[in-house]
C-alpha atoms as a PDB file:
ATOM      1  CA  MET A   1    -111.239 138.202  71.452  1.00  0.00           C
ATOM      2  CA  ALA A   2    -111.353 137.831  67.703  1.00  0.00           C
ATOM      3  CA  ASP A   3    -108.507 136.921  65.428  1.00  0.00           C
ATOM      4  CA  PRO A   4    -106.498 140.037  64.363  1.00  0.00           C
ATOM      5  CA  ALA A   5    -106.541 138.847  60.753  1.00  0.00           C
ATOM      6  CA  ARG A   6    -110.335 138.639  60.892  1.00  0.00           C
ATOM      7  CA  ALA A   7    -110.487 142.171  62.327  1.00  0.00           C
ATOM      8  CA  ARG A   8    -108.319 143.465  59.454  1.00  0.00           C
ATOM      9  CA  ARG A   9    -110.495 141.723  56.861  1.00  0.00           C
ATOM     10  CA  LEU A  10    -113.644 143.119  58.460  1.00  0.00           C
ATOM     11  CA  ALA A  11    -112.137 146.622  58.567  1.00  0.00           C
ATOM     12  CA  LYS A  12    -111.285 146.433  54.878  1.00  0.00           C
ATOM     13  CA  ARG A  13    -114.781 145.203  54.015  1.00  0.00           C
ATOM     14  CA  ILE A  14    -116.398 147.948  56.100  1.00  0.00           C
ATOM     15  CA  SER A  15    -114.341 150.668  54.385  1.00  0.00           C
ATOM     16  CA  GLU A  16    -115.346 149.300  50.962  1.00  0.00           C
ATOM     17  CA  ILE A  17    -119.044 149.212  51.866  1.00  0.00           C
ATOM     18  CA  VAL A  18    -119.030 152.722  53.367  1.00  0.00           C
ATOM     19  CA  ALA A  19    -117.023 154.222  50.483  1.00  0.00           C
ATOM     20  CA  THR A  20    -119.380 152.708  47.909  1.00  0.00           C
ATOM     21  CA  ALA A  21    -122.443 153.891  49.823  1.00  0.00           C
ATOM     22  CA  ILE A  22    -121.073 157.435  50.134  1.00  0.00           C
ATOM     23  CA  GLU A  23    -120.187 157.617  46.469  1.00  0.00           C
ATOM     24  CA  TYR A  24    -123.220 155.991  44.845  1.00  0.00           C
ATOM     25  CA  GLU A  25    -126.135 155.546  47.259  1.00  0.00           C
ATOM     26  CA  ILE A  26    -126.372 158.440  49.721  1.00  0.00           C
ATOM     27  CA  LYS A  27    -127.490 161.681  48.081  1.00  0.00           C
ATOM     28  CA  ASP A  28    -126.175 164.228  50.577  1.00  0.00           C
ATOM     29  CA  PRO A  29    -124.332 167.221  49.062  1.00  0.00           C
ATOM     30  CA  GLY A  30    -122.155 167.434  52.204  1.00  0.00           C
ATOM     31  CA  LEU A  31    -120.571 164.082  51.293  1.00  0.00           C
ATOM     32  CA  ALA A  32    -119.521 165.190  47.783  1.00  0.00           C
ATOM     33  CA  GLY A  33    -115.792 165.491  48.560  1.00  0.00           C
ATOM     34  CA  VAL A  34    -115.493 162.780  51.248  1.00  0.00           C
ATOM     35  CA  THR A  35    -113.127 159.866  50.642  1.00  0.00           C
ATOM     36  CA  ILE A  36    -112.635 156.939  53.028  1.00  0.00           C
ATOM     37  CA  VAL A  37    -108.887 156.277  53.294  1.00  0.00           C
ATOM     38  CA  ASP A  38    -108.558 153.720  56.106  1.00  0.00           C
ATOM     39  CA  SER A  39    -110.480 151.862  58.767  1.00  0.00           C
ATOM     40  CA  LYS A  40    -109.716 150.025  61.975  1.00  0.00           C
ATOM     41  CA  VAL A  41    -111.856 147.568  63.927  1.00  0.00           C
ATOM     42  CA  THR A  42    -111.346 146.809  67.597  1.00  0.00           C
ATOM     43  CA  GLY A  43    -110.316 143.306  68.649  1.00  0.00           C
ATOM     44  CA  ASP A  44    -113.829 142.426  69.853  1.00  0.00           C
ATOM     45  CA  LEU A  45    -115.291 143.555  66.468  1.00  0.00           C
ATOM     46  CA  HIS A  46    -117.747 145.935  68.172  1.00  0.00           C
ATOM     47  CA  ASP A  47    -116.329 149.315  67.112  1.00  0.00           C
ATOM     48  CA  ALA A  48    -115.058 150.518  63.757  1.00  0.00           C
ATOM     49  CA  THR A  49    -113.171 153.766  63.189  1.00  0.00           C
ATOM     50  CA  LEU A  50    -113.208 155.088  59.635  1.00  0.00           C
ATOM     51  CA  TYR A  51    -110.664 157.710  58.552  1.00  0.00           C
ATOM     52  CA  TYR A  52    -111.727 160.129  55.835  1.00  0.00           C
ATOM     53  CA  THR A  53    -110.415 163.095  53.903  1.00  0.00           C
ATOM     54  CA  VAL A  54    -112.340 165.971  52.404  1.00  0.00           C
ATOM     55  CA  MET A  55    -111.516 167.611  49.096  1.00  0.00           C
ATOM     56  CA  GLY A  56    -112.793 170.954  47.862  1.00  0.00           C
ATOM     57  CA  ALA A  57    -114.870 171.358  44.714  1.00  0.00           C
ATOM     58  CA  THR A  58    -111.760 172.618  42.901  1.00  0.00           C
ATOM     59  CA  LEU A  59    -108.119 173.060  43.819  1.00  0.00           C
ATOM     60  CA  ASP A  60    -108.761 176.710  44.639  1.00  0.00           C
ATOM     61  CA  HIS A  61    -111.631 176.015  47.054  1.00  0.00           C
ATOM     62  CA  GLU A  62    -110.958 175.123  50.686  1.00  0.00           C
ATOM     63  CA  PRO A  63    -112.659 171.864  51.760  1.00  0.00           C
ATOM     64  CA  ASP A  64    -115.637 172.094  54.117  1.00  0.00           C
ATOM     65  CA  HIS A  65    -114.488 169.910  57.024  1.00  0.00           C
ATOM     66  CA  ILE A  66    -117.321 170.907  59.361  1.00  0.00           C
ATOM     67  CA  GLY A  67    -120.022 170.261  56.752  1.00  0.00           C
ATOM     68  CA  ALA A  68    -118.521 166.868  55.891  1.00  0.00           C
ATOM     69  CA  ALA A  69    -118.394 165.838  59.570  1.00  0.00           C
ATOM     70  CA  ALA A  70    -122.043 166.866  60.003  1.00  0.00           C
ATOM     71  CA  ALA A  71    -123.079 164.956  56.856  1.00  0.00           C
ATOM     72  CA  LEU A  72    -121.281 161.812  58.068  1.00  0.00           C
ATOM     73  CA  GLU A  73    -123.078 162.078  61.423  1.00  0.00           C
ATOM     74  CA  ARG A  74    -126.410 162.347  59.624  1.00  0.00           C
ATOM     75  CA  ALA A  75    -125.634 159.313  57.454  1.00  0.00           C
ATOM     76  CA  LYS A  76    -124.172 157.176  60.270  1.00  0.00           C
ATOM     77  CA  GLY A  77    -127.376 155.134  60.846  1.00  0.00           C
ATOM     78  CA  VAL A  78    -127.876 154.363  57.154  1.00  0.00           C
ATOM     79  CA  LEU A  79    -124.198 153.461  56.750  1.00  0.00           C
ATOM     80  CA  ARG A  80    -124.294 151.149  59.775  1.00  0.00           C
ATOM     81  CA  SER A  81    -127.318 149.295  58.420  1.00  0.00           C
ATOM     82  CA  LYS A  82    -125.553 148.887  55.050  1.00  0.00           C
ATOM     83  CA  VAL A  83    -122.440 147.561  56.860  1.00  0.00           C
ATOM     84  CA  GLY A  84    -124.618 145.070  58.756  1.00  0.00           C
ATOM     85  CA  ALA A  85    -126.248 143.844  55.560  1.00  0.00           C
ATOM     86  CA  GLY A  86    -122.950 143.698  53.681  1.00  0.00           C
ATOM     87  CA  THR A  87    -120.810 141.923  56.255  1.00  0.00           C
ATOM     88  CA  GLY A  88    -123.193 139.368  57.760  1.00  0.00           C
ATOM     89  CA  VAL A  89    -121.626 139.522  61.230  1.00  0.00           C
ATOM     90  CA  ARG A  90    -123.723 138.842  64.325  1.00  0.00           C
ATOM     91  CA  PHE A  91    -123.118 142.278  65.850  1.00  0.00           C
ATOM     92  CA  THR A  92    -122.810 145.237  63.476  1.00  0.00           C
ATOM     93  CA  PRO A  93    -119.943 147.449  64.662  1.00  0.00           C
ATOM     94  CA  THR A  94    -120.619 151.020  65.691  1.00  0.00           C
ATOM     95  CA  LEU A  95    -119.118 153.510  63.262  1.00  0.00           C
ATOM     96  CA  THR A  96    -116.897 156.417  64.290  1.00  0.00           C
ATOM     97  CA  PHE A  97    -115.623 158.864  61.678  1.00  0.00           C
ATOM     98  CA  THR A  98    -112.263 160.582  62.174  1.00  0.00           C
ATOM     99  CA  ARG A  99    -110.766 163.079  59.772  1.00  0.00           C
ATOM    100  CA  ASP A 100    -107.392 161.919  58.444  1.00  0.00           C
ATOM    101  CA  THR A 101    -104.836 164.690  58.922  1.00  0.00           C
ATOM    102  CA  VAL A 102    -101.909 162.975  57.199  1.00  0.00           C
ATOM    103  CA  SER A 103    -102.368 165.010  54.016  1.00  0.00           C
ATOM    104  CA  ASP A 104    -102.359 168.227  56.062  1.00  0.00           C
ATOM    105  CA  SER A 105     -99.155 167.097  57.779  1.00  0.00           C
ATOM    106  CA  VAL A 106     -97.593 166.274  54.416  1.00  0.00           C
ATOM    107  CA  GLN A 107     -98.476 169.715  53.085  1.00  0.00           C
ATOM    108  CA  ARG A 108     -96.992 171.371  56.193  1.00  0.00           C
ATOM    109  CA  MET A 109     -93.803 169.297  55.859  1.00  0.00           C
ATOM    110  CA  GLU A 110     -93.500 170.291  52.187  1.00  0.00           C
ATOM    111  CA  GLU A 111     -93.770 173.960  53.167  1.00  0.00           C
ATOM    112  CA  LEU A 112     -91.074 173.533  55.837  1.00  0.00           C
ATOM    113  CA  LEU A 113     -88.781 171.698  53.407  1.00  0.00           C
ATOM    114  CA  ALA A 114     -89.243 174.447  50.807  1.00  0.00           C
ATOM    115  CA  ARG A 115     -88.292 177.035  53.437  1.00  0.00           C
ATOM    116  CA  ALA A 116     -85.215 175.005  54.425  1.00  0.00           C
ATOM    117  CA  ARG A 117     -84.151 174.685  50.771  1.00  0.00           C
ATOM    118  CA  ALA A 118     -84.503 178.452  50.324  1.00  0.00           C
ATOM    119  CA  ALA A 119     -82.407 179.080  53.459  1.00  0.00           C
ATOM    120  CA  ASP A 120     -79.745 176.644  52.200  1.00  0.00           C
ATOM    121  CA  ALA A 121     -79.661 178.439  48.852  1.00  0.00           C
ATOM    122  CA  ASP A 122     -79.199 181.787  50.643  1.00  0.00           C
ATOM    123  CA  VAL A 123     -76.309 180.395  52.684  1.00  0.00           C
ATOM    124  CA  ALA A 124     -74.690 178.932  49.550  1.00  0.00           C
ATOM    125  CA  ARG A 125     -75.068 182.268  47.748  1.00  0.00           C
ATOM    126  CA  VAL A 126     -73.424 184.149  50.633  1.00  0.00           C
ATOM    127  CA  ARG A 127     -70.655 181.570  50.931  1.00  0.00           C
ATOM    128  CA  GLU A 128     -69.636 181.794  47.233  1.00  0.00           C
ATOM    129  CA  GLY A 129     -67.223 184.718  47.556  1.00  0.00           C
ATOM    130  CA  ALA A 130     -66.320 184.282  51.207  1.00  0.00           C
ATOM    131  CA  THR A 131     -62.834 183.471  52.464  1.00  0.00           C
ATOM    132  CA  PRO A 132     -61.958 182.142  55.918  1.00  0.00           C
ATOM    133  CA  ALA A 133     -60.884 184.726  58.496  1.00  0.00           C
ATOM    134  CA  GLY A 134     -57.851 182.693  59.607  1.00  0.00           C
ATOM    135  CA  GLU A 135     -56.253 179.610  58.193  1.00  0.00           C
ATOM    136  CA  ALA A 136     -58.266 177.396  55.899  1.00  0.00           C
ATOM    137  CA  ASP A 137     -58.026 174.486  58.364  1.00  0.00           C
ATOM    138  CA  PRO A 138     -57.375 175.938  61.835  1.00  0.00           C
ATOM    139  CA  TYR A 139     -57.499 172.560  63.586  1.00  0.00           C
ATOM    140  CA  ARG A 140     -54.679 170.959  61.651  1.00  0.00           C
ATOM    141  CA  GLU A 141     -51.453 170.847  63.633  1.00  0.00           C
ATOM    142  CA  SER A 142     -48.122 170.931  61.849  1.00  0.00           C
ATOM    143  CA  ILE A 143     -45.551 168.602  63.408  1.00  0.00           C
ATOM    144  CA  ALA A 144     -41.905 168.953  62.522  1.00  0.00           C
ATOM    145  CA  VAL A 145     -40.613 165.581  61.391  1.00  0.00           C
ATOM    146  CA  ASP A 146     -36.910 164.762  61.614  1.00  0.00           C
ATOM    147  CA  VAL A 147     -35.343 161.928  59.721  1.00  0.00           C
ATOM    148  CA  ASP A 148     -32.603 160.071  61.581  1.00  0.00           C
ATOM    149  CA  GLU A 149     -29.499 158.604  60.025  1.00  0.00           C
ATOM    150  CA  ALA A 150     -31.251 155.272  59.239  1.00  0.00           C
ATOM    151  CA  GLY A 151     -33.943 157.063  57.223  1.00  0.00           C
ATOM    152  CA  GLN A 152     -36.656 156.557  59.882  1.00  0.00           C
ATOM    153  CA  SER A 153     -38.898 159.517  60.647  1.00  0.00           C
ATOM    154  CA  ASP A 154     -38.917 160.681  64.257  1.00  0.00           C
ATOM    155  CA  PRO A 155     -41.621 163.280  65.026  1.00  0.00           C
ATOM    156  CA  LEU A 156     -40.060 164.148  68.400  1.00  0.00           C
ATOM    157  CA  GLY A 157     -36.739 164.980  66.867  1.00  0.00           C
ATOM    158  CA  ASP A 158     -34.715 162.571  68.985  1.00  0.00           C
ATOM    159  CA  ASP A 159     -34.564 158.916  69.817  1.00  0.00           C
ATOM    160  CA  ALA A 160     -36.904 159.210  72.832  1.00  0.00           C
ATOM    161  CA  GLY A 161     -40.011 158.527  70.745  1.00  0.00           C
ATOM    162  CA  ARG A 162     -38.652 155.329  69.230  1.00  0.00           C
ATOM    163  CA  VAL A 163     -37.332 154.065  72.546  1.00  0.00           C
ATOM    164  CA  ALA A 164     -40.670 154.772  74.257  1.00  0.00           C
ATOM    165  CA  ALA A 165     -42.574 153.115  71.418  1.00  0.00           C
ATOM    166  CA  ARG A 166     -40.463 149.950  71.762  1.00  0.00           C
ATOM    167  CA  GLY A 167     -41.062 149.857  75.512  1.00  0.00           C
ATOM    168  CA  GLY A 168     -37.397 150.299  76.301  1.00  0.00           C
ATOM    169  CA  ALA A 169     -35.521 152.639  78.575  1.00  0.00           C
ATOM    170  CA  GLY A 170     -36.846 156.111  78.918  1.00  0.00           C
ATOM    171  CA  GLN A 171     -40.412 154.942  79.454  1.00  0.00           C
ATOM    172  CA  SER A 172     -41.746 155.917  82.844  1.00  0.00           C
ATOM    173  CA  ASP A 173     -42.719 153.296  85.353  1.00  0.00           C
ATOM    174  CA  LEU A 174     -45.920 155.031  86.314  1.00  0.00           C
ATOM    175  CA  GLY A 175     -48.907 152.783  86.195  1.00  0.00           C
ATOM    176  CA  ALA A 176     -52.358 152.372  87.586  1.00  0.00           C
ATOM    177  CA  PRO A 177     -52.607 152.089  91.353  1.00  0.00           C
ATOM    178  CA  THR A 178     -53.321 148.692  92.866  1.00  0.00           C
ATOM    179  CA  ALA A 179     -56.318 147.842  95.021  1.00  0.00           C
ATOM    180  CA  ASN A 180     -54.649 149.238  98.158  1.00  0.00           C
ATOM    181  CA  GLY A 181     -53.806 152.526  96.411  1.00  0.00           C
ATOM    182  CA  GLU A 182     -50.144 151.830  95.720  1.00  0.00           C
ATOM    183  CA  GLY A 183     -48.672 152.241  92.270  1.00  0.00           C
ATOM    184  CA  PRO A 184     -46.012 150.007  90.733  1.00  0.00           C
ATOM    185  CA  GLY A 185     -43.290 152.507  91.663  1.00  0.00           C
ATOM    186  CA  ASP A 186     -44.245 152.551  95.353  1.00  0.00           C
ATOM    187  CA  SER A 187     -41.953 150.525  97.569  1.00  0.00           C
ATOM    188  CA  HIS A 188     -43.735 150.476 100.862  1.00  0.00           C
ATOM    189  CA  GLN A 189     -42.615 147.705 103.107  1.00  0.00           C
ATOM    190  CA  PRO A 190     -44.964 146.581 105.820  1.00  0.00           C
ATOM    191  CA  GLU A 191     -43.752 147.843 109.174  1.00  0.00           C
ATOM    192  CA  ASP A 192     -43.170 145.511 112.103  1.00  0.00           C
END
């Protein structure tokens, strides 16, 4: 197995060689809008996958994906021989061309985001003059707060809250049951 760094360097070199050959050396009209965007080489350096995109003649024209794939298949032998001459490796990797769909995904995501922004704007427009059907904050509870003679606030209205908070009298002796199922208030005596 080859070094991963060597595989990355070889992949970069292969993409440069193929891109230059497509642009300047191979005279196939089907390759006019083809651009090599990335390449990957397997760990044993025997197979290379090249990712390409296809652009139309103008922005208004749809790219010819089928024609570009056919042109790359026709030029595969010539491109492999150029890769072999340009890299100097013992075994020239086989070339596989795969269309890169990231730009299509980006365009689809942009369309979805534009739709979401339009829906948000519609909701904001509808919400402008709207008033709530009930209270503005229906989940807020109002608690009556009494102030005792010392100036301390007592939300329960009596001294029970303060006594319970201090752990004094008035706090129940209920607790978690023990391992045998008895609680702290249970007074079971073992029977003879």
